[in-house]
């Protein structure tokens, strides 16, 4: 697997995991009564830990995916790029 493909996979999982972590942080900080008075601090603290913790996890997930997926994740040239245009 090339580094470019692994970076694409890692970015996809990194963003997804951080969206889940942000949602969990907001719910935890607003629903759990002891955290409610300082909800802003706890959301930022949970997100800071999440941003650091999910990076290595996302990088390692790329190696665990099936080999067939790797080639499909690269951006390929569109078959329509050689199609005729309407320009005169």
N, C-alpha and C. Protein backbone atom coordinates (compact mmCIF):
# COMPACT_ATOMS: atom_id res chain seq x y z
N UNK A 1 0.85 -1.17 0.00
CA UNK A 1 0.00 0.00 0.00
C UNK A 1 0.89 1.23 0.00
N UNK A 2 0.52 2.19 -0.81
CA UNK A 2 1.31 3.42 -0.86
C UNK A 2 0.93 4.34 0.29
N UNK A 3 1.78 5.28 0.55
CA UNK A 3 1.53 6.23 1.63
C UNK A 3 0.34 7.13 1.31
N UNK A 4 0.16 7.45 0.03
CA UNK A 4 -0.97 8.29 -0.37
C UNK A 4 -2.31 7.64 -0.07
N UNK A 5 -2.42 6.35 -0.39
CA UNK A 5 -3.66 5.64 -0.11
C UNK A 5 -3.89 5.55 1.38
N UNK A 6 -2.83 5.23 2.11
CA UNK A 6 -2.97 5.11 3.56
C UNK A 6 -3.33 6.44 4.20
N UNK A 7 -2.81 7.54 3.66
CA UNK A 7 -3.14 8.87 4.17
C UNK A 7 -4.61 9.20 3.90
N UNK A 8 -5.12 8.81 2.73
CA UNK A 8 -6.54 9.04 2.43
C UNK A 8 -7.43 8.27 3.40
N UNK A 9 -7.09 7.02 3.64
CA UNK A 9 -7.86 6.19 4.56
C UNK A 9 -7.78 6.78 5.97
N UNK A 10 -6.59 7.18 6.38
CA UNK A 10 -6.41 7.74 7.72
C UNK A 10 -7.21 9.02 7.89
N UNK A 11 -7.21 9.88 6.88
CA UNK A 11 -7.96 11.13 6.96
C UNK A 11 -9.45 10.86 7.06
N UNK A 12 -9.93 9.91 6.29
CA UNK A 12 -11.34 9.55 6.34
C UNK A 12 -11.74 9.08 7.74
N UNK A 13 -10.97 8.17 8.31
CA UNK A 13 -11.30 7.66 9.63
C UNK A 13 -11.03 8.69 10.73
N UNK A 14 -10.02 9.53 10.57
CA UNK A 14 -9.70 10.56 11.56
C UNK A 14 -10.86 11.54 11.72
N UNK A 15 -11.38 12.00 10.60
CA UNK A 15 -12.50 12.94 10.64
C UNK A 15 -13.74 12.27 11.23
N UNK A 16 -14.01 11.05 10.81
CA UNK A 16 -15.19 10.34 11.30
C UNK A 16 -15.10 10.10 12.81
N UNK A 17 -13.96 9.66 13.28
CA UNK A 17 -13.80 9.41 14.71
C UNK A 17 -13.91 10.69 15.53
N UNK A 18 -13.42 11.79 14.99
CA UNK A 18 -13.50 13.05 15.73
C UNK A 18 -14.90 13.64 15.74
N UNK A 19 -15.69 13.38 14.70
CA UNK A 19 -17.09 13.80 14.73
C UNK A 19 -17.83 13.03 15.82
N UNK A 20 -17.57 11.73 15.91
CA UNK A 20 -18.19 10.92 16.96
C UNK A 20 -17.74 11.39 18.34
N UNK A 21 -16.45 11.68 18.48
CA UNK A 21 -15.93 12.14 19.77
C UNK A 21 -16.52 13.49 20.17
N UNK A 22 -16.68 14.40 19.21
CA UNK A 22 -17.26 15.70 19.51
C UNK A 22 -18.71 15.55 19.97
N UNK A 23 -19.47 14.70 19.28
CA UNK A 23 -20.86 14.47 19.66
C UNK A 23 -20.93 13.88 21.06
N UNK A 24 -20.08 12.92 21.36
CA UNK A 24 -20.05 12.32 22.69
C UNK A 24 -19.65 13.34 23.75
N UNK A 25 -18.70 14.22 23.43
CA UNK A 25 -18.26 15.24 24.39
C UNK A 25 -19.39 16.22 24.70
N UNK A 26 -20.12 16.62 23.67
CA UNK A 26 -21.22 17.56 23.90
C UNK A 26 -22.31 16.91 24.74
N UNK A 27 -22.66 15.68 24.41
CA UNK A 27 -23.67 14.99 25.22
C UNK A 27 -23.20 14.78 26.65
N UNK A 28 -21.96 14.36 26.83
CA UNK A 28 -21.45 14.11 28.18
C UNK A 28 -21.40 15.39 29.00
N UNK A 29 -20.97 16.48 28.38
CA UNK A 29 -20.81 17.73 29.13
C UNK A 29 -22.14 18.42 29.42
N UNK A 30 -23.15 18.15 28.64
CA UNK A 30 -24.43 18.82 28.87
C UNK A 30 -25.43 17.96 29.63
N UNK A 31 -25.29 16.66 29.59
CA UNK A 31 -26.25 15.79 30.28
C UNK A 31 -25.76 15.38 31.66
N UNK A 32 -24.47 15.14 31.82
CA UNK A 32 -23.94 14.69 33.11
C UNK A 32 -23.85 15.89 34.06
N UNK A 33 -24.63 15.91 35.16
CA UNK A 33 -24.74 17.11 36.01
C UNK A 33 -23.43 17.68 36.56
N UNK A 34 -22.47 16.88 37.02
CA UNK A 34 -21.24 17.50 37.54
C UNK A 34 -20.43 18.25 36.47
N UNK A 35 -20.59 17.89 35.21
CA UNK A 35 -19.82 18.55 34.15
C UNK A 35 -20.52 19.78 33.58
N UNK A 36 -21.80 19.94 33.85
CA UNK A 36 -22.58 21.02 33.24
C UNK A 36 -22.07 22.43 33.56
N UNK A 37 -21.68 22.75 34.81
CA UNK A 37 -21.21 24.13 35.06
C UNK A 37 -20.00 24.54 34.24
N UNK A 38 -19.14 23.62 33.94
CA UNK A 38 -17.94 23.92 33.15
C UNK A 38 -17.97 23.16 31.82
N UNK A 39 -19.11 23.15 31.16
CA UNK A 39 -19.29 22.36 29.94
C UNK A 39 -18.30 22.76 28.85
N UNK A 40 -18.05 24.04 28.69
CA UNK A 40 -17.13 24.51 27.65
C UNK A 40 -15.73 23.94 27.85
N UNK A 41 -15.26 23.95 29.08
CA UNK A 41 -13.94 23.40 29.37
C UNK A 41 -13.88 21.91 29.06
N UNK A 42 -14.91 21.18 29.48
CA UNK A 42 -14.89 19.73 29.28
C UNK A 42 -15.01 19.35 27.81
N UNK A 43 -15.77 20.08 27.04
CA UNK A 43 -15.86 19.80 25.61
C UNK A 43 -14.50 20.00 24.96
N UNK A 44 -13.84 21.09 25.28
CA UNK A 44 -12.51 21.37 24.72
C UNK A 44 -11.50 20.33 25.19
N UNK A 45 -11.55 19.95 26.46
CA UNK A 45 -10.60 18.96 26.99
C UNK A 45 -10.80 17.60 26.32
N UNK A 46 -12.03 17.17 26.18
CA UNK A 46 -12.30 15.87 25.56
C UNK A 46 -11.88 15.91 24.09
N UNK A 47 -12.13 17.01 23.41
CA UNK A 47 -11.76 17.11 22.00
C UNK A 47 -10.23 17.15 21.82
N UNK A 48 -9.52 17.80 22.72
CA UNK A 48 -8.06 17.84 22.62
C UNK A 48 -7.48 16.44 22.77
N UNK A 49 -7.99 15.69 23.72
CA UNK A 49 -7.53 14.31 23.90
C UNK A 49 -7.91 13.47 22.68
N UNK A 50 -9.10 13.70 22.18
CA UNK A 50 -9.58 12.95 21.02
C UNK A 50 -8.73 13.22 19.78
N UNK A 51 -8.38 14.48 19.54
CA UNK A 51 -7.58 14.82 18.37
C UNK A 51 -6.21 14.14 18.41
N UNK A 52 -5.65 14.00 19.59
CA UNK A 52 -4.35 13.35 19.72
C UNK A 52 -4.46 11.82 19.71
N UNK A 53 -5.52 11.29 20.29
CA UNK A 53 -5.64 9.84 20.41
C UNK A 53 -6.10 9.16 19.13
N UNK A 54 -6.90 9.84 18.33
CA UNK A 54 -7.43 9.18 17.13
C UNK A 54 -6.46 9.19 15.94
N UNK A 55 -5.45 10.03 15.98
CA UNK A 55 -4.50 10.07 14.86
C UNK A 55 -3.78 8.74 14.66
N UNK A 56 -3.16 8.16 15.68
CA UNK A 56 -2.51 6.86 15.45
C UNK A 56 -3.49 5.73 15.16
N UNK A 57 -4.67 5.81 15.74
CA UNK A 57 -5.69 4.79 15.48
C UNK A 57 -6.09 4.83 14.01
N UNK A 58 -6.35 6.02 13.50
CA UNK A 58 -6.75 6.17 12.10
C UNK A 58 -5.64 5.72 11.16
N UNK A 59 -4.40 5.99 11.50
CA UNK A 59 -3.28 5.59 10.64
C UNK A 59 -3.16 4.07 10.57
N UNK A 60 -3.42 3.39 11.68
CA UNK A 60 -3.30 1.93 11.72
C UNK A 60 -4.49 1.22 11.07
N UNK A 61 -5.62 1.88 10.97
CA UNK A 61 -6.81 1.26 10.38
C UNK A 61 -6.57 0.97 8.90
N UNK A 62 -5.83 1.79 8.22
CA UNK A 62 -5.57 1.59 6.79
C UNK A 62 -4.91 0.26 6.49
N UNK A 63 -4.06 -0.21 7.35
CA UNK A 63 -3.39 -1.49 7.14
C UNK A 63 -4.33 -2.66 7.37
N UNK A 64 -5.41 -2.45 8.08
CA UNK A 64 -6.35 -3.53 8.40
C UNK A 64 -7.42 -3.74 7.33
N UNK A 65 -7.55 -2.81 6.40
CA UNK A 65 -8.58 -2.93 5.37
C UNK A 65 -8.20 -3.98 4.34
N UNK A 66 -9.19 -4.59 3.70
CA UNK A 66 -8.88 -5.58 2.66
C UNK A 66 -8.12 -4.97 1.49
N UNK A 67 -7.29 -5.76 0.86
CA UNK A 67 -6.43 -5.31 -0.24
C UNK A 67 -7.25 -4.79 -1.43
N UNK A 68 -8.45 -5.34 -1.66
CA UNK A 68 -9.27 -4.92 -2.80
C UNK A 68 -9.70 -3.46 -2.70
N UNK A 69 -9.81 -2.94 -1.50
CA UNK A 69 -10.27 -1.57 -1.31
C UNK A 69 -9.21 -0.55 -1.65
N UNK A 70 -7.96 -0.92 -1.57
CA UNK A 70 -6.88 0.06 -1.69
C UNK A 70 -6.87 0.74 -3.06
N UNK A 71 -7.03 -0.02 -4.13
CA UNK A 71 -7.00 0.58 -5.47
C UNK A 71 -8.22 1.42 -5.74
N UNK A 72 -9.35 1.11 -5.13
CA UNK A 72 -10.58 1.85 -5.37
C UNK A 72 -10.59 3.21 -4.68
N UNK A 73 -9.70 3.40 -3.73
CA UNK A 73 -9.70 4.65 -2.98
C UNK A 73 -8.92 5.76 -3.66
N UNK A 74 -8.09 5.42 -4.64
CA UNK A 74 -7.35 6.45 -5.35
C UNK A 74 -8.25 7.18 -6.33
N UNK A 75 -8.09 8.46 -6.42
CA UNK A 75 -8.86 9.24 -7.40
C UNK A 75 -8.34 8.91 -8.79
N UNK A 76 -9.24 8.52 -9.65
CA UNK A 76 -8.87 8.15 -11.01
C UNK A 76 -9.42 9.18 -11.99
N UNK A 77 -8.82 9.24 -13.16
CA UNK A 77 -9.26 10.16 -14.20
C UNK A 77 -10.65 9.76 -14.69
N UNK A 78 -11.51 10.72 -14.86
CA UNK A 78 -12.87 10.47 -15.31
C UNK A 78 -12.88 10.01 -16.76
N UNK A 79 -13.74 9.04 -17.10
CA UNK A 79 -13.84 8.63 -18.50
C UNK A 79 -14.45 9.72 -19.38
N UNK A 80 -15.06 10.72 -18.79
CA UNK A 80 -15.68 11.79 -19.56
C UNK A 80 -14.70 12.88 -19.97
N UNK A 81 -13.46 12.81 -19.52
CA UNK A 81 -12.51 13.86 -19.86
C UNK A 81 -12.15 13.84 -21.35
N UNK A 82 -12.28 12.70 -22.01
CA UNK A 82 -11.98 12.63 -23.44
C UNK A 82 -13.23 12.79 -24.29
N UNK A 83 -14.36 13.07 -23.68
CA UNK A 83 -15.61 13.22 -24.43
C UNK A 83 -15.59 14.51 -25.24
N UNK A 84 -16.30 14.55 -26.37
CA UNK A 84 -16.34 15.78 -27.18
C UNK A 84 -17.04 16.90 -26.42
N UNK A 85 -16.67 18.11 -26.73
CA UNK A 85 -17.27 19.27 -26.09
C UNK A 85 -18.15 20.02 -27.07
N UNK A 86 -18.88 21.01 -26.59
CA UNK A 86 -19.75 21.81 -27.45
C UNK A 86 -19.07 23.10 -27.91
N UNK A 87 -17.84 23.26 -27.58
CA UNK A 87 -17.12 24.47 -27.97
C UNK A 87 -16.81 24.45 -29.46
N UNK A 88 -16.90 25.60 -30.10
CA UNK A 88 -16.62 25.70 -31.54
C UNK A 88 -15.24 26.24 -31.78
